[in-house]
Amino acid sequence: MEKYIVFACVCVLLMTGCGKSSKLDQWRAEKHVRDSVALVEQERSMDYYLTQLDSLQPVVDELLTHFKYEKNEKYQDHGFYVTTGSTGVRIMVRDDGHSPILAYYNGEKLMINGDKIGGKGYHMTDADARALEYAQHLAVVMADIIELELRVQRTSQEIQKYQKRLQKQVVQ
């Protein structure tokens, strides 16, 4: 790709230096160079995003070993990754990464304040603290993955846009 950009720059310099090309030809050549550079930038961004996604997948796989997935297909659009502590606490992370972490004990919602869970009649155990830590980590990683997937989608659209522009410019 870098050779292509250098070639395009040399073409622009030759065209503008000869004095035989019109302003429109010069503008087209400059636009071609700008679009070529933008395409290379988008492709590099895509490579970076895909590398980041690949590096997060083992983290998610390891974290999900501490959860079971629950979803009622009939009534829910999104399910929950749920961990149950030895004290009966259910700590839940929504599968789309958009809602806060939820914790329940004996059917009552518990308050989560940083790394602590609190509520009437409940005392946090070490197992619950670990489960909360896993849930917080999972929520962050899932949010990162969702953001990266959106960036991959947008970048893919940008790449297609620049490829179409460059194809049209070659035809003209």
N, C-alpha and C. Protein backbone atom coordinates (compact mmCIF):
# COMPACT_ATOMS: atom_id res chain seq x y z
N MET A 1 0.81 -1.20 0.00
CA MET A 1 0.00 0.00 0.00
C MET A 1 0.85 1.26 0.00
N GLU A 2 1.97 1.21 0.73
CA GLU A 2 2.82 2.39 0.79
C GLU A 2 3.40 2.70 -0.59
N LYS A 3 3.73 1.68 -1.36
CA LYS A 3 4.22 1.89 -2.72
C LYS A 3 3.15 2.57 -3.56
N TYR A 4 1.91 2.17 -3.34
CA TYR A 4 0.80 2.75 -4.08
C TYR A 4 0.66 4.24 -3.77
N ILE A 5 0.81 4.61 -2.52
CA ILE A 5 0.70 6.01 -2.12
C ILE A 5 1.85 6.81 -2.71
N VAL A 6 3.06 6.28 -2.66
CA VAL A 6 4.22 6.97 -3.25
C VAL A 6 4.00 7.14 -4.74
N PHE A 7 3.54 6.10 -5.42
CA PHE A 7 3.27 6.18 -6.86
C PHE A 7 2.24 7.27 -7.15
N ALA A 8 1.17 7.33 -6.35
CA ALA A 8 0.14 8.35 -6.57
C ALA A 8 0.71 9.75 -6.35
N CYS A 9 1.55 9.92 -5.34
CA CYS A 9 2.15 11.23 -5.09
C CYS A 9 3.05 11.65 -6.25
N VAL A 10 3.84 10.71 -6.79
CA VAL A 10 4.71 11.02 -7.93
C VAL A 10 3.87 11.41 -9.13
N CYS A 11 2.77 10.71 -9.34
CA CYS A 11 1.88 11.06 -10.46
C CYS A 11 1.33 12.47 -10.31
N VAL A 12 0.93 12.82 -9.12
CA VAL A 12 0.40 14.16 -8.88
C VAL A 12 1.48 15.20 -9.16
N LEU A 13 2.69 14.95 -8.68
CA LEU A 13 3.79 15.90 -8.90
C LEU A 13 4.11 16.04 -10.38
N LEU A 14 4.14 14.94 -11.11
CA LEU A 14 4.42 14.99 -12.54
C LEU A 14 3.32 15.73 -13.30
N MET A 15 2.08 15.47 -12.91
CA MET A 15 0.96 16.11 -13.60
C MET A 15 0.94 17.61 -13.35
N THR A 16 1.23 18.02 -12.15
CA THR A 16 1.18 19.45 -11.83
C THR A 16 2.43 20.16 -12.34
N GLY A 17 3.54 19.44 -12.48
CA GLY A 17 4.78 20.06 -12.92
C GLY A 17 4.84 20.26 -14.43
N CYS A 18 4.12 19.50 -15.20
CA CYS A 18 4.21 19.57 -16.65
C CYS A 18 3.51 20.80 -17.22
N GLY A 19 2.55 21.31 -16.50
CA GLY A 19 1.81 22.48 -16.98
C GLY A 19 0.79 22.15 -18.05
N LYS A 20 0.66 20.89 -18.44
CA LYS A 20 -0.28 20.51 -19.50
C LYS A 20 -1.61 20.06 -18.94
N SER A 21 -1.64 19.75 -17.66
CA SER A 21 -2.90 19.25 -17.10
C SER A 21 -3.77 20.42 -16.65
N SER A 22 -5.03 20.18 -16.69
CA SER A 22 -5.97 21.21 -16.26
C SER A 22 -6.12 21.19 -14.75
N LYS A 23 -6.74 22.19 -14.21
CA LYS A 23 -7.00 22.25 -12.76
C LYS A 23 -7.88 21.08 -12.32
N LEU A 24 -8.81 20.68 -13.17
CA LEU A 24 -9.69 19.56 -12.83
C LEU A 24 -8.90 18.26 -12.71
N ASP A 25 -7.97 18.04 -13.64
CA ASP A 25 -7.13 16.84 -13.56
C ASP A 25 -6.27 16.86 -12.30
N GLN A 26 -5.76 18.03 -11.98
CA GLN A 26 -4.95 18.17 -10.77
C GLN A 26 -5.79 17.88 -9.53
N TRP A 27 -7.00 18.41 -9.49
CA TRP A 27 -7.90 18.18 -8.35
C TRP A 27 -8.23 16.69 -8.23
N ARG A 28 -8.49 16.03 -9.37
CA ARG A 28 -8.80 14.60 -9.35
C ARG A 28 -7.62 13.78 -8.82
N ALA A 29 -6.43 14.15 -9.25
CA ALA A 29 -5.24 13.42 -8.79
C ALA A 29 -5.04 13.62 -7.29
N GLU A 30 -5.23 14.83 -6.81
CA GLU A 30 -5.10 15.10 -5.38
C GLU A 30 -6.16 14.35 -4.58
N LYS A 31 -7.37 14.31 -5.10
CA LYS A 31 -8.46 13.58 -4.42
C LYS A 31 -8.14 12.09 -4.38
N HIS A 32 -7.56 11.59 -5.45
CA HIS A 32 -7.18 10.17 -5.49
C HIS A 32 -6.14 9.87 -4.40
N VAL A 33 -5.18 10.75 -4.24
CA VAL A 33 -4.16 10.55 -3.20
C VAL A 33 -4.79 10.60 -1.82
N ARG A 34 -5.67 11.60 -1.59
CA ARG A 34 -6.33 11.70 -0.27
C ARG A 34 -7.14 10.45 0.04
N ASP A 35 -7.88 9.98 -0.95
CA ASP A 35 -8.70 8.78 -0.73
C ASP A 35 -7.82 7.55 -0.52
N SER A 36 -6.70 7.47 -1.22
CA SER A 36 -5.78 6.34 -1.05
C SER A 36 -5.20 6.32 0.36
N VAL A 37 -4.80 7.50 0.84
CA VAL A 37 -4.26 7.59 2.19
C VAL A 37 -5.34 7.25 3.22
N ALA A 38 -6.55 7.76 3.01
CA ALA A 38 -7.65 7.47 3.94
C ALA A 38 -7.96 5.97 3.98
N LEU A 39 -7.90 5.32 2.82
CA LEU A 39 -8.14 3.88 2.77
C LEU A 39 -7.09 3.12 3.57
N VAL A 40 -5.84 3.50 3.42
CA VAL A 40 -4.77 2.84 4.17
C VAL A 40 -4.97 3.05 5.67
N GLU A 41 -5.35 4.25 6.07
CA GLU A 41 -5.60 4.53 7.49
C GLU A 41 -6.73 3.67 8.03
N GLN A 42 -7.80 3.55 7.27
CA GLN A 42 -8.94 2.73 7.70
C GLN A 42 -8.55 1.26 7.80
N GLU A 43 -7.74 0.79 6.86
CA GLU A 43 -7.31 -0.62 6.90
C GLU A 43 -6.43 -0.88 8.12
N ARG A 44 -5.58 0.08 8.46
CA ARG A 44 -4.74 -0.07 9.65
C ARG A 44 -5.60 -0.07 10.92
N SER A 45 -6.59 0.80 10.95
CA SER A 45 -7.51 0.83 12.09
C SER A 45 -8.23 -0.51 12.22
N MET A 46 -8.67 -1.05 11.10
CA MET A 46 -9.37 -2.34 11.11
C MET A 46 -8.46 -3.43 11.68
N ASP A 47 -7.21 -3.46 11.25
CA ASP A 47 -6.27 -4.45 11.77
C ASP A 47 -6.12 -4.31 13.28
N TYR A 48 -6.02 -3.07 13.76
CA TYR A 48 -5.88 -2.83 15.19
C TYR A 48 -7.11 -3.32 15.96
N TYR A 49 -8.29 -2.98 15.48
CA TYR A 49 -9.52 -3.40 16.16
C TYR A 49 -9.66 -4.91 16.20
N LEU A 50 -9.34 -5.57 15.09
CA LEU A 50 -9.44 -7.03 15.05
C LEU A 50 -8.43 -7.68 15.98
N THR A 51 -7.24 -7.10 16.07
CA THR A 51 -6.23 -7.61 17.01
C THR A 51 -6.72 -7.47 18.45
N GLN A 52 -7.33 -6.33 18.76
CA GLN A 52 -7.86 -6.12 20.10
C GLN A 52 -8.97 -7.12 20.42
N LEU A 53 -9.86 -7.35 19.47
CA LEU A 53 -10.93 -8.33 19.67
C LEU A 53 -10.35 -9.72 19.93
N ASP A 54 -9.35 -10.09 19.13
CA ASP A 54 -8.71 -11.40 19.32
C ASP A 54 -8.07 -11.54 20.69
N SER A 55 -7.50 -10.44 21.20
CA SER A 55 -6.84 -10.51 22.51
C SER A 55 -7.86 -10.57 23.66
N LEU A 56 -9.06 -10.05 23.45
CA LEU A 56 -10.08 -10.07 24.50
C LEU A 56 -10.82 -11.40 24.58
N GLN A 57 -10.86 -12.15 23.49
CA GLN A 57 -11.64 -13.39 23.48
C GLN A 57 -11.19 -14.40 24.53
N PRO A 58 -9.89 -14.64 24.72
CA PRO A 58 -9.50 -15.59 25.78
C PRO A 58 -9.89 -15.10 27.18
N VAL A 59 -9.88 -13.78 27.37
CA VAL A 59 -10.27 -13.22 28.67
C VAL A 59 -11.74 -13.53 28.93
N VAL A 60 -12.58 -13.30 27.93
CA VAL A 60 -14.02 -13.58 28.07
C VAL A 60 -14.24 -15.07 28.30
N ASP A 61 -13.56 -15.90 27.53
CA ASP A 61 -13.72 -17.35 27.68
C ASP A 61 -13.39 -17.80 29.10
N GLU A 62 -12.32 -17.25 29.66
CA GLU A 62 -11.93 -17.62 31.03
C GLU A 62 -12.96 -17.11 32.04
N LEU A 63 -13.42 -15.88 31.87
CA LEU A 63 -14.40 -15.32 32.81
C LEU A 63 -15.72 -16.08 32.78
N LEU A 64 -16.14 -16.48 31.59
CA LEU A 64 -17.44 -17.16 31.47
C LEU A 64 -17.45 -18.53 32.15
N THR A 65 -16.30 -19.06 32.50
CA THR A 65 -16.29 -20.33 33.23
C THR A 65 -16.86 -20.16 34.64
N HIS A 66 -16.96 -18.93 35.12
CA HIS A 66 -17.49 -18.65 36.46
C HIS A 66 -18.99 -18.31 36.45
N PHE A 67 -19.61 -18.38 35.27
CA PHE A 67 -21.01 -17.98 35.12
C PHE A 67 -21.79 -19.05 34.40
N LYS A 68 -23.10 -18.99 34.60
CA LYS A 68 -24.00 -19.77 33.75
C LYS A 68 -24.91 -18.76 33.06
N TYR A 69 -25.37 -19.11 31.89
CA TYR A 69 -26.18 -18.19 31.10
C TYR A 69 -27.65 -18.52 31.29
N GLU A 70 -28.45 -17.49 31.55
CA GLU A 70 -29.90 -17.67 31.73
C GLU A 70 -30.64 -16.68 30.84
N LYS A 71 -31.60 -17.22 30.10
CA LYS A 71 -32.44 -16.37 29.25
C LYS A 71 -33.73 -17.11 28.95
N ASN A 72 -34.83 -16.43 29.14
CA ASN A 72 -36.13 -16.98 28.77
C ASN A 72 -36.43 -16.46 27.37
N GLU A 73 -36.24 -17.31 26.37
CA GLU A 73 -36.41 -16.92 24.97
C GLU A 73 -37.79 -16.33 24.69
N LYS A 74 -38.77 -16.78 25.44
CA LYS A 74 -40.14 -16.34 25.20
C LYS A 74 -40.37 -14.90 25.65
N TYR A 75 -39.69 -14.46 26.70
CA TYR A 75 -39.98 -13.16 27.29
C TYR A 75 -38.82 -12.17 27.28
N GLN A 76 -37.61 -12.63 27.06
CA GLN A 76 -36.46 -11.74 27.19
C GLN A 76 -35.72 -11.57 25.87
N ASP A 77 -35.35 -10.32 25.59
CA ASP A 77 -34.49 -10.04 24.44
C ASP A 77 -33.03 -10.31 24.79
N HIS A 78 -32.69 -10.08 26.04
CA HIS A 78 -31.31 -10.26 26.50
C HIS A 78 -31.31 -11.17 27.71
N GLY A 79 -30.25 -11.99 27.78
CA GLY A 79 -30.11 -12.88 28.92
C GLY A 79 -29.10 -12.32 29.90
N PHE A 80 -28.80 -13.12 30.91
CA PHE A 80 -27.88 -12.71 31.96
C PHE A 80 -26.86 -13.81 32.21
N TYR A 81 -25.64 -13.38 32.46
CA TYR A 81 -24.61 -14.28 32.97
C TYR A 81 -24.74 -14.21 34.48
N VAL A 82 -24.95 -15.36 35.11
CA VAL A 82 -25.28 -15.40 36.53
C VAL A 82 -24.28 -16.26 37.27
N THR A 83 -23.84 -15.76 38.41
CA THR A 83 -23.00 -16.56 39.30
C THR A 83 -23.72 -16.62 40.64
N THR A 84 -23.66 -17.76 41.28
CA THR A 84 -24.28 -17.93 42.58
C THR A 84 -23.20 -18.21 43.60
N GLY A 85 -23.11 -17.35 44.60
CA GLY A 85 -22.14 -17.55 45.67
C GLY A 85 -22.63 -18.64 46.62
N SER A 86 -21.75 -19.06 47.48
CA SER A 86 -22.11 -20.12 48.42
C SER A 86 -23.18 -19.67 49.39
N THR A 87 -23.38 -18.36 49.53
CA THR A 87 -24.39 -17.86 50.46
C THR A 87 -25.74 -17.63 49.79
N GLY A 88 -25.86 -18.00 48.52
CA GLY A 88 -27.13 -17.83 47.81
C GLY A 88 -27.26 -16.49 47.11
N VAL A 89 -26.21 -15.72 47.01
CA VAL A 89 -26.25 -14.45 46.30
C VAL A 89 -26.16 -14.72 44.80
N ARG A 90 -27.05 -14.10 44.04
CA ARG A 90 -27.02 -14.20 42.58
C ARG A 90 -26.49 -12.87 42.04
N ILE A 91 -25.33 -12.92 41.41
CA ILE A 91 -24.76 -11.73 40.80
C ILE A 91 -24.92 -11.88 39.29
N MET A 92 -25.51 -10.86 38.66
CA MET A 92 -25.91 -10.97 37.26
C MET A 92 -25.31 -9.85 36.41
N VAL A 93 -24.87 -10.24 35.20
CA VAL A 93 -24.37 -9.29 34.20
C VAL A 93 -25.18 -9.53 32.93
N ARG A 94 -25.80 -8.46 32.42
CA ARG A 94 -26.60 -8.60 31.20
C ARG A 94 -25.69 -8.90 30.01
N ASP A 95 -26.16 -9.73 29.08
CA ASP A 95 -25.31 -10.20 27.98
C ASP A 95 -24.97 -9.14 26.94
N ASP A 96 -25.67 -8.01 26.95
CA ASP A 96 -25.34 -6.95 25.99
C ASP A 96 -24.44 -5.87 26.59
N GLY A 97 -24.08 -6.04 27.85
CA GLY A 97 -23.15 -5.12 28.49
C GLY A 97 -23.69 -3.73 28.77
N HIS A 98 -25.00 -3.52 28.65
CA HIS A 98 -25.55 -2.18 28.80
C HIS A 98 -26.13 -1.85 30.16
N SER A 99 -26.42 -2.83 30.96
CA SER A 99 -27.03 -2.52 32.25
C SER A 99 -26.02 -2.74 33.37
N PRO A 100 -26.28 -2.14 34.51
CA PRO A 100 -25.35 -2.34 35.63
C PRO A 100 -25.41 -3.79 36.15
N ILE A 101 -24.44 -4.11 36.94
CA ILE A 101 -24.40 -5.43 37.57
C ILE A 101 -25.50 -5.48 38.63
N LEU A 102 -26.21 -6.59 38.69
CA LEU A 102 -27.28 -6.76 39.67
C LEU A 102 -26.91 -7.87 40.64
N ALA A 103 -27.36 -7.72 41.87
CA ALA A 103 -27.13 -8.76 42.88
C ALA A 103 -28.41 -8.96 43.67
N TYR A 104 -28.76 -10.24 43.91
CA TYR A 104 -29.97 -10.58 44.67
C TYR A 104 -29.62 -11.59 45.75
N TYR A 105 -30.31 -11.45 46.89
CA TYR A 105 -30.16 -12.38 48.00
C TYR A 105 -31.55 -12.65 48.55
N ASN A 106 -31.95 -13.91 48.52
CA ASN A 106 -33.30 -14.30 48.97
C ASN A 106 -34.39 -13.49 48.27
N GLY A 107 -34.20 -13.26 46.98
CA GLY A 107 -35.20 -12.55 46.19
C GLY A 107 -35.17 -11.04 46.32
N GLU A 108 -34.34 -10.49 47.18
CA GLU A 108 -34.28 -9.03 47.35
C GLU A 108 -33.01 -8.50 46.69
N LYS A 109 -33.19 -7.35 46.06
CA LYS A 109 -32.05 -6.72 45.38
C LYS A 109 -31.08 -6.16 46.41
N LEU A 110 -29.81 -6.44 46.20
CA LEU A 110 -28.76 -5.92 47.07
C LEU A 110 -28.14 -4.68 46.44
N MET A 111 -27.55 -3.85 47.26
CA MET A 111 -26.86 -2.65 46.78
C MET A 111 -25.40 -3.01 46.51
N ILE A 112 -24.88 -2.52 45.38
CA ILE A 112 -23.47 -2.72 45.06
C ILE A 112 -22.81 -1.35 45.16
N ASN A 113 -21.81 -1.27 46.01
CA ASN A 113 -21.07 -0.03 46.20
C ASN A 113 -19.58 -0.35 46.03
N GLY A 114 -19.06 -0.09 44.83
CA GLY A 114 -17.66 -0.43 44.56
C GLY A 114 -17.44 -1.92 44.60
N ASP A 115 -16.60 -2.36 45.51
CA ASP A 115 -16.30 -3.78 45.65
C ASP A 115 -17.10 -4.44 46.77
N LYS A 116 -18.12 -3.78 47.26
CA LYS A 116 -18.93 -4.29 48.38
C LYS A 116 -20.37 -4.50 47.94
N ILE A 117 -20.96 -5.53 48.52
CA ILE A 117 -22.39 -5.80 48.34
C ILE A 117 -23.02 -5.65 49.70
N GLY A 118 -24.14 -4.97 49.77
CA GLY A 118 -24.79 -4.78 51.06
C GLY A 118 -26.30 -4.88 50.96
N GLY A 119 -26.91 -5.25 52.05
CA GLY A 119 -28.36 -5.33 52.10
C GLY A 119 -28.80 -5.90 53.43
N LYS A 120 -30.09 -5.76 53.69
CA LYS A 120 -30.65 -6.22 54.96
C LYS A 120 -30.47 -7.73 55.13
N GLY A 121 -29.87 -8.12 56.24
CA GLY A 121 -29.69 -9.53 56.57
C GLY A 121 -28.61 -10.23 55.78
N TYR A 122 -27.79 -9.49 55.05
CA TYR A 122 -26.77 -10.12 54.22
C TYR A 122 -25.38 -9.71 54.69
N HIS A 123 -24.47 -10.68 54.73
CA HIS A 123 -23.07 -10.42 55.05
C HIS A 123 -22.22 -11.00 53.93
N MET A 124 -21.41 -10.17 53.35
CA MET A 124 -20.60 -10.56 52.19
C MET A 124 -19.51 -11.57 52.58
N THR A 125 -19.41 -12.63 51.75
CA THR A 125 -18.37 -13.65 51.97
C THR A 125 -17.24 -13.45 50.95
N ASP A 126 -16.16 -14.16 51.16
CA ASP A 126 -15.04 -14.10 50.20
C ASP A 126 -15.47 -14.61 48.83
N ALA A 127 -16.30 -15.65 48.80
CA ALA A 127 -16.79 -16.19 47.53
C ALA A 127 -17.63 -15.16 46.79
N ASP A 128 -18.46 -14.43 47.54
CA ASP A 128 -19.28 -13.38 46.91
C ASP A 128 -18.40 -12.23 46.41
N ALA A 129 -17.36 -11.90 47.15
CA ALA A 129 -16.44 -10.84 46.72
C ALA A 129 -15.74 -11.24 45.41
N ARG A 130 -15.33 -12.50 45.30
CA ARG A 130 -14.70 -12.98 44.06
C ARG A 130 -15.72 -12.96 42.92
N ALA A 131 -16.93 -13.40 43.20
CA ALA A 131 -17.98 -13.40 42.16
C ALA A 131 -18.26 -11.99 41.67
N LEU A 132 -18.30 -11.03 42.59
CA LEU A 132 -18.52 -9.64 42.21
C LEU A 132 -17.35 -9.13 41.36
N GLU A 133 -16.14 -9.51 41.73
CA GLU A 133 -14.96 -9.10 40.96
C GLU A 133 -15.03 -9.68 39.54
N TYR A 134 -15.40 -10.95 39.41
CA TYR A 134 -15.55 -11.56 38.09
C TYR A 134 -16.63 -10.83 37.28
N ALA A 135 -17.75 -10.52 37.93
CA ALA A 135 -18.85 -9.84 37.25
C ALA A 135 -18.42 -8.45 36.77
N GLN A 136 -17.71 -7.72 37.59
CA GLN A 136 -17.25 -6.39 37.20
C GLN A 136 -16.28 -6.48 36.03
N HIS A 137 -15.38 -7.45 36.08
CA HIS A 137 -14.41 -7.64 35.00
C HIS A 137 -15.13 -8.03 33.71
N LEU A 138 -16.08 -8.95 33.82
CA LEU A 138 -16.85 -9.39 32.65
C LEU A 138 -17.61 -8.22 32.03
N ALA A 139 -18.23 -7.39 32.86
CA ALA A 139 -18.98 -6.24 32.34
C ALA A 139 -18.08 -5.28 31.56
N VAL A 140 -16.89 -5.03 32.07
CA VAL A 140 -15.95 -4.13 31.40
C VAL A 140 -15.49 -4.72 30.08
N VAL A 141 -15.12 -5.99 30.09
CA VAL A 141 -14.63 -6.65 28.87
C VAL A 141 -15.74 -6.73 27.83
N MET A 142 -16.95 -7.04 28.25
CA MET A 142 -18.07 -7.10 27.31
C MET A 142 -18.34 -5.74 26.69
N ALA A 143 -18.28 -4.68 27.48
CA ALA A 143 -18.47 -3.33 26.95
C ALA A 143 -17.37 -3.00 25.94
N ASP A 144 -16.14 -3.40 26.23
CA ASP A 144 -15.04 -3.18 25.29
C ASP A 144 -15.27 -3.93 23.98
N ILE A 145 -15.72 -5.17 24.08
CA ILE A 145 -15.97 -5.97 22.88
C ILE A 145 -17.09 -5.36 22.05
N ILE A 146 -18.14 -4.92 22.70
CA ILE A 146 -19.25 -4.30 21.97
C ILE A 146 -18.78 -3.04 21.25
N GLU A 147 -17.98 -2.22 21.94
CA GLU A 147 -17.45 -1.00 21.32
C GLU A 147 -16.54 -1.35 20.14
N LEU A 148 -15.67 -2.34 20.29
CA LEU A 148 -14.79 -2.74 19.19
C LEU A 148 -15.58 -3.29 18.00
N GLU A 149 -16.63 -4.05 18.27
CA GLU A 149 -17.46 -4.58 17.18
C GLU A 149 -18.13 -3.45 16.41
N LEU A 150 -18.59 -2.42 17.11
CA LEU A 150 -19.17 -1.25 16.44
C LEU A 150 -18.11 -0.54 15.59
N ARG A 151 -16.91 -0.41 16.13
CA ARG A 151 -15.83 0.24 15.38
C ARG A 151 -15.46 -0.57 14.14
N VAL A 152 -15.44 -1.89 14.26
CA VAL A 152 -15.15 -2.75 13.11
C VAL A 152 -16.22 -2.55 12.05
N GLN A 153 -17.46 -2.49 12.47
CA GLN A 153 -18.57 -2.30 11.51
C GLN A 153 -18.44 -0.96 10.80
N ARG A 154 -18.22 0.12 11.56
CA ARG A 154 -18.08 1.46 10.96
C ARG A 154 -16.85 1.53 10.05
N THR A 155 -15.76 0.95 10.48
CA THR A 155 -14.53 0.99 9.70
C THR A 155 -14.69 0.19 8.41
N SER A 156 -15.38 -0.92 8.49
CA SER A 156 -15.65 -1.72 7.29
C SER A 156 -16.45 -0.90 6.27
N GLN A 157 -17.42 -0.15 6.74
CA GLN A 157 -18.21 0.71 5.85
C GLN A 157 -17.34 1.81 5.24
N GLU A 158 -16.43 2.37 6.03
CA GLU A 158 -15.52 3.40 5.52
C GLU A 158 -14.58 2.81 4.46
N ILE A 159 -14.07 1.63 4.71
CA ILE A 159 -13.19 0.97 3.74
C ILE A 159 -13.92 0.76 2.42
N GLN A 160 -15.15 0.27 2.50
CA GLN A 160 -15.94 0.06 1.29
C GLN A 160 -16.18 1.37 0.55
N LYS A 161 -16.44 2.43 1.30
CA LYS A 161 -16.67 3.75 0.70
C LYS A 161 -15.44 4.21 -0.08
N TYR A 162 -14.27 4.11 0.55
CA TYR A 162 -13.05 4.56 -0.13
C TYR A 162 -12.68 3.66 -1.30
N GLN A 163 -12.94 2.36 -1.18
CA GLN A 163 -12.67 1.46 -2.30
C GLN A 163 -13.54 1.81 -3.50
N LYS A 164 -14.83 2.11 -3.26
CA LYS A 164 -15.73 2.50 -4.35
C LYS A 164 -15.27 3.80 -4.97
N ARG A 165 -14.89 4.77 -4.15
CA ARG A 165 -14.41 6.05 -4.68
C ARG A 165 -13.19 5.85 -5.57
N LEU A 166 -12.24 5.05 -5.10
CA LEU A 166 -11.03 4.82 -5.88
C LEU A 166 -11.32 4.09 -7.17
N GLN A 167 -12.27 3.15 -7.16
CA GLN A 167 -12.63 2.45 -8.38
C GLN A 167 -13.26 3.41 -9.39
N LYS A 168 -14.11 4.33 -8.91
CA LYS A 168 -14.72 5.32 -9.79
C LYS A 168 -13.66 6.25 -10.37
N GLN A 169 -12.68 6.61 -9.55
CA GLN A 169 -11.64 7.53 -10.01
C GLN A 169 -10.78 6.89 -11.09
N VAL A 170 -10.54 5.59 -10.99
CA VAL A 170 -9.74 4.90 -12.00
C VAL A 170 -10.48 4.85 -13.31
N VAL A 171 -11.81 4.68 -13.26
CA VAL A 171 -12.63 4.61 -14.46
C VAL A 171 -12.64 5.95 -15.20
N GLN A 172 -12.65 7.06 -14.46
CA GLN A 172 -12.73 8.38 -15.10
C GLN A 172 -11.54 8.75 -15.88
